[in-house]
Amino acid sequence: MQKNYAVLVSCGTQENTMSARKSVSVLYGDVLNALGITTCSHLNGNETLLAERFDGLLLSGGGDLSADLFGQQKHIKSSTPDKRRDTEEFALIQAFCAKKKPILGICRGIQVLNVFFGGDLVQDVPNHNNILHKIKLMPDSFLNKLYGNEITVNSYHHQAICKLAYGFSALAYSKDGVIEAIMHNKLPILGVQWHPERMVDGVCMDTQTDQTEIFKWLCGNH
């Protein structure tokens, strides 16, 4: 891991009577700070300059994407889209990819990555919100080498990847067939459907499997 590594963390937008607000879980910063990494929440700015100044991009968890981004009508159970966030994250992905800098997508983040690269989503997946469940890790994959064939993860989502975007490989599946992790075949891009920031010893542990190595990957260990 290089010295003075800095990661940009994407944020959600919340409406407010005075002005819209940006918000993001403090756990992302807590985990990266424990690794000696500087973090900054994304408020605004030129995406190309941000990609030059930061060493990695973390696409954080959050609400549902705009269904029109993947050619569908909004599902009745989908939340109101954060269109500002959709636009910002697409621009950030493009800029960081152009610099070939690492991107980690978490929960919503894996979905944003898949849609950006041409895949689509299932807008309502049953029995995946606020549970713990086992996932199968594909043989010889990055995650398999870290954790073996099967691990228990948390799950806080109701949407998931349907058609996998071109250029990606699936690294993990739930028992009902939902894609739980992806990695780009050429670019340093990793996405996980669970929340690894809630699976780090000393910060937050929803399960017994410590996920620190995923954040080390973002910070140059790839």
Protein backbone atom coordinates (compact mmCIF):
# COMPACT_ATOMS: atom_id res chain seq x y z
CA MET A 1 0.00 0.00 0.00
CA GLN A 2 1.40 3.35 -1.02
CA LYS A 3 1.94 6.21 1.44
CA ASN A 4 -0.71 8.91 1.85
CA TYR A 5 -3.33 6.92 -0.03
CA ALA A 6 -6.59 8.87 -0.45
CA VAL A 7 -10.04 7.54 -1.37
CA LEU A 8 -13.08 9.48 -2.57
CA VAL A 9 -16.40 8.20 -1.19
CA SER A 10 -19.66 8.84 -3.05
CA CYS A 11 -22.67 10.22 -1.16
CA GLY A 12 -26.43 10.21 -1.34
CA THR A 13 -28.59 13.33 -1.63
CA GLN A 14 -31.30 14.16 0.89
CA GLU A 15 -33.92 16.82 0.31
CA ASN A 16 -34.12 19.54 2.95
CA THR A 17 -36.25 22.66 3.40
CA MET A 18 -33.20 24.93 3.10
CA SER A 19 -31.12 23.00 0.57
CA ALA A 20 -30.34 19.42 -0.41
CA ARG A 21 -27.88 17.63 1.88
CA LYS A 22 -25.25 14.96 1.21
CA SER A 23 -25.02 11.93 3.48
CA VAL A 24 -22.96 8.75 3.82
CA SER A 25 -22.28 6.17 6.55
CA VAL A 26 -19.35 7.03 8.81
CA LEU A 27 -18.30 3.35 8.79
CA TYR A 28 -16.56 3.72 5.41
CA GLY A 29 -14.31 6.38 6.88
CA ASP A 30 -13.80 4.42 10.09
CA VAL A 31 -12.64 1.32 8.19
CA LEU A 32 -10.31 3.18 5.84
CA ASN A 33 -8.94 5.36 8.63
CA ALA A 34 -8.02 2.20 10.55
CA LEU A 35 -5.91 1.26 7.51
CA GLY A 36 -4.20 4.65 7.52
CA ILE A 37 -6.16 5.87 4.50
CA THR A 38 -7.39 9.43 4.00
CA THR A 39 -11.04 9.66 2.94
CA CYS A 40 -13.15 12.47 1.55
CA SER A 41 -16.89 12.54 0.93
CA HIS A 42 -17.88 13.67 -2.56
CA LEU A 43 -19.82 16.92 -2.52
CA ASN A 44 -19.11 18.26 -5.99
CA GLY A 45 -16.22 19.07 -8.31
CA ASN A 46 -14.67 18.34 -11.67
CA GLU A 47 -14.61 14.57 -12.01
CA THR A 48 -11.41 14.49 -14.06
CA LEU A 49 -9.55 16.53 -11.44
CA LEU A 50 -10.95 14.34 -8.65
CA ALA A 51 -9.73 11.22 -10.45
CA GLU A 52 -6.28 12.79 -10.72
CA ARG A 53 -6.10 13.75 -7.04
CA PHE A 54 -7.59 10.62 -5.44
CA ASP A 55 -6.10 7.14 -5.61
CA GLY A 56 -9.36 5.22 -5.49
CA LEU A 57 -13.15 5.58 -5.60
CA LEU A 58 -15.61 3.93 -3.22
CA LEU A 59 -19.21 3.84 -4.45
CA SER A 60 -21.16 3.62 -1.20
CA GLY A 61 -24.49 1.98 -0.44
CA GLY A 62 -27.78 3.79 -0.77
CA GLY A 63 -31.15 3.90 -2.53
CA ASP A 64 -32.34 2.64 -5.89
CA LEU A 65 -31.07 3.80 -9.26
CA SER A 66 -33.32 5.46 -11.82
CA ALA A 67 -34.91 2.60 -13.75
CA ASP A 68 -34.69 4.54 -17.02
CA LEU A 69 -30.90 4.16 -16.85
CA PHE A 70 -31.35 0.46 -17.66
CA GLY A 71 -34.40 0.71 -19.90
CA GLN A 72 -37.16 -0.18 -17.44
CA GLN A 73 -40.17 1.45 -15.82
CA LYS A 74 -39.92 2.19 -12.09
CA HIS A 75 -41.14 -0.75 -10.00
CA ILE A 76 -43.86 -0.02 -7.46
CA LYS A 77 -41.52 -1.12 -4.65
CA SER A 78 -38.57 0.97 -5.84
CA SER A 79 -37.63 4.07 -3.89
CA THR A 80 -37.66 7.57 -5.40
CA PRO A 81 -34.44 7.80 -7.44
CA ASP A 82 -31.63 10.14 -6.47
CA LYS A 83 -30.99 11.41 -9.99
CA ARG A 84 -28.27 13.83 -8.92
CA ARG A 85 -26.38 10.94 -7.36
CA ASP A 86 -26.89 8.74 -10.43
CA THR A 87 -25.41 11.45 -12.66
CA GLU A 88 -22.49 12.16 -10.32
CA GLU A 89 -21.54 8.51 -9.86
CA PHE A 90 -21.66 7.79 -13.60
CA ALA A 91 -19.31 10.72 -14.20
CA LEU A 92 -16.97 9.58 -11.42
CA ILE A 93 -16.84 6.02 -12.77
CA GLN A 94 -15.96 7.31 -16.22
CA ALA A 95 -13.21 9.57 -14.87
CA PHE A 96 -11.61 6.97 -12.58
CA CYS A 97 -11.76 4.33 -15.33
CA ALA A 98 -9.98 6.71 -17.70
CA LYS A 99 -7.16 6.92 -15.13
CA LYS A 100 -7.32 3.14 -14.52
CA LYS A 101 -7.67 3.78 -10.80
CA PRO A 102 -9.44 1.25 -8.53
CA ILE A 103 -13.17 1.43 -7.90
CA LEU A 104 -14.99 -0.51 -5.17
CA GLY A 105 -18.77 -0.66 -5.38
CA ILE A 106 -20.73 -1.62 -2.26
CA CYS A 107 -24.42 -2.65 -2.36
CA ARG A 108 -25.91 0.16 -4.50
CA GLY A 109 -22.36 0.61 -5.79
CA ILE A 110 -22.23 -2.82 -7.47
CA GLN A 111 -25.55 -2.04 -9.13
CA VAL A 112 -24.32 1.35 -10.39
CA LEU A 113 -21.24 -0.31 -11.89
CA ASN A 114 -23.29 -2.98 -13.63
CA VAL A 115 -25.71 -0.45 -15.12
CA PHE A 116 -22.94 1.96 -16.15
CA PHE A 117 -21.27 -0.80 -18.16
CA GLY A 118 -24.49 -1.88 -19.88
CA GLY A 119 -26.08 -4.44 -17.57
CA ASP A 120 -29.47 -4.21 -15.89
CA LEU A 121 -31.17 -4.93 -12.56
CA VAL A 122 -33.98 -6.90 -10.98
CA GLN A 123 -35.95 -4.17 -9.24
CA ASP A 124 -37.35 -6.23 -6.39
CA VAL A 125 -35.64 -9.33 -5.00
CA PRO A 126 -37.46 -11.12 -2.15
CA ASN A 127 -35.82 -12.18 1.09
CA HIS A 128 -32.56 -10.21 0.79
CA ASN A 129 -33.20 -7.18 2.99
CA ASN A 130 -31.86 -7.07 6.56
CA ILE A 131 -30.76 -10.70 6.79
CA LEU A 132 -27.60 -12.78 7.04
CA HIS A 133 -27.12 -15.50 4.43
CA LYS A 134 -24.50 -17.73 2.87
CA ILE A 135 -22.95 -17.10 -0.54
CA LYS A 136 -20.87 -19.36 -2.76
CA LEU A 137 -17.52 -17.98 -3.98
CA MET A 138 -16.43 -19.03 -7.45
CA PRO A 139 -13.35 -21.33 -7.62
CA ASP A 140 -10.03 -19.56 -8.16
CA SER A 141 -11.65 -16.12 -7.93
CA PHE A 142 -10.19 -13.23 -5.94
CA LEU A 143 -12.69 -13.74 -3.14
CA ASN A 144 -12.31 -17.51 -3.14
CA LYS A 145 -8.58 -17.13 -2.55
CA LEU A 146 -9.32 -14.86 0.43
CA TYR A 147 -12.22 -16.67 2.08
CA GLY A 148 -12.65 -20.16 0.62
CA ASN A 149 -15.75 -21.62 -1.01
CA GLU A 150 -18.51 -20.16 1.15
CA ILE A 151 -19.03 -17.30 3.60
CA THR A 152 -21.91 -15.70 5.47
CA VAL A 153 -22.59 -12.07 4.57
CA ASN A 154 -25.07 -9.40 5.59
CA SER A 155 -27.75 -8.29 3.15
CA TYR A 156 -29.49 -4.90 3.04
CA HIS A 157 -30.85 -4.69 -0.50
CA HIS A 158 -33.98 -5.41 -2.52
CA GLN A 159 -32.51 -4.85 -5.99
CA ALA A 160 -29.73 -6.84 -7.64
CA ILE A 161 -27.92 -7.56 -10.88
CA CYS A 162 -29.95 -9.32 -13.57
CA LYS A 163 -27.97 -9.22 -16.84
CA LEU A 164 -24.27 -8.97 -16.02
CA ALA A 165 -22.47 -6.19 -17.88
CA TYR A 166 -19.99 -7.10 -20.59
CA GLY A 167 -16.40 -7.28 -19.39
CA PHE A 168 -17.23 -8.51 -15.88
CA SER A 169 -17.06 -11.89 -14.20
CA ALA A 170 -19.31 -12.98 -11.35
CA LEU A 171 -17.29 -13.90 -8.26
CA ALA A 172 -20.10 -15.00 -5.93
CA TYR A 173 -23.73 -16.11 -5.89
CA SER A 174 -26.38 -16.48 -3.22
CA LYS A 175 -28.21 -19.80 -2.99
CA ASP A 176 -31.18 -18.36 -4.90
CA GLY A 177 -28.93 -17.35 -7.80
CA VAL A 178 -28.43 -13.64 -7.11
CA ILE A 179 -25.03 -12.34 -8.23
CA GLU A 180 -23.28 -11.17 -5.05
CA ALA A 181 -19.89 -9.97 -6.34
CA ILE A 182 -18.32 -8.97 -9.65
CA MET A 183 -14.89 -8.00 -10.95
CA HIS A 184 -13.91 -6.39 -14.24
CA ASN A 185 -11.73 -8.56 -16.44
CA LYS A 186 -9.28 -5.77 -17.34
CA LEU A 187 -9.88 -2.71 -15.15
CA PRO A 188 -9.35 -2.55 -11.35
CA ILE A 189 -13.06 -2.65 -10.50
CA LEU A 190 -14.66 -4.78 -7.78
CA GLY A 191 -18.27 -4.80 -6.63
CA VAL A 192 -19.95 -6.59 -3.73
CA GLN A 193 -23.66 -6.73 -2.96
CA TRP A 194 -23.18 -6.95 0.81
CA HIS A 195 -21.77 -4.31 3.19
CA PRO A 196 -18.14 -5.17 4.07
CA GLU A 197 -17.81 -1.99 6.15
CA ARG A 198 -20.15 -3.76 8.58
CA MET A 199 -17.86 -6.80 8.64
CA VAL A 200 -14.58 -5.37 9.93
CA ASP A 201 -13.18 -6.31 13.33
CA GLY A 202 -12.93 -3.31 15.65
CA VAL A 203 -15.43 -1.27 13.59
CA CYS A 204 -18.63 -3.28 13.08
CA MET A 205 -19.16 -7.04 12.82
CA ASP A 206 -22.50 -8.27 11.46
CA THR A 207 -20.85 -11.66 10.77
CA GLN A 208 -17.73 -13.56 11.82
CA THR A 209 -15.89 -13.02 8.51
CA ASP A 210 -13.59 -9.99 8.61
CA GLN A 211 -13.64 -8.11 5.29
CA THR A 212 -10.61 -5.85 5.78
CA GLU A 213 -8.92 -7.41 2.74
CA ILE A 214 -11.57 -5.98 0.43
CA PHE A 215 -10.65 -2.47 1.53
CA LYS A 216 -6.97 -3.27 1.21
CA TRP A 217 -7.71 -4.23 -2.41
CA LEU A 218 -9.14 -0.75 -2.97
CA CYS A 219 -6.03 0.75 -1.43
CA GLY A 220 -3.59 -0.73 -3.90
CA ASN A 221 -3.30 -4.43 -3.04
CA HIS A 222 -4.38 -5.75 -6.45
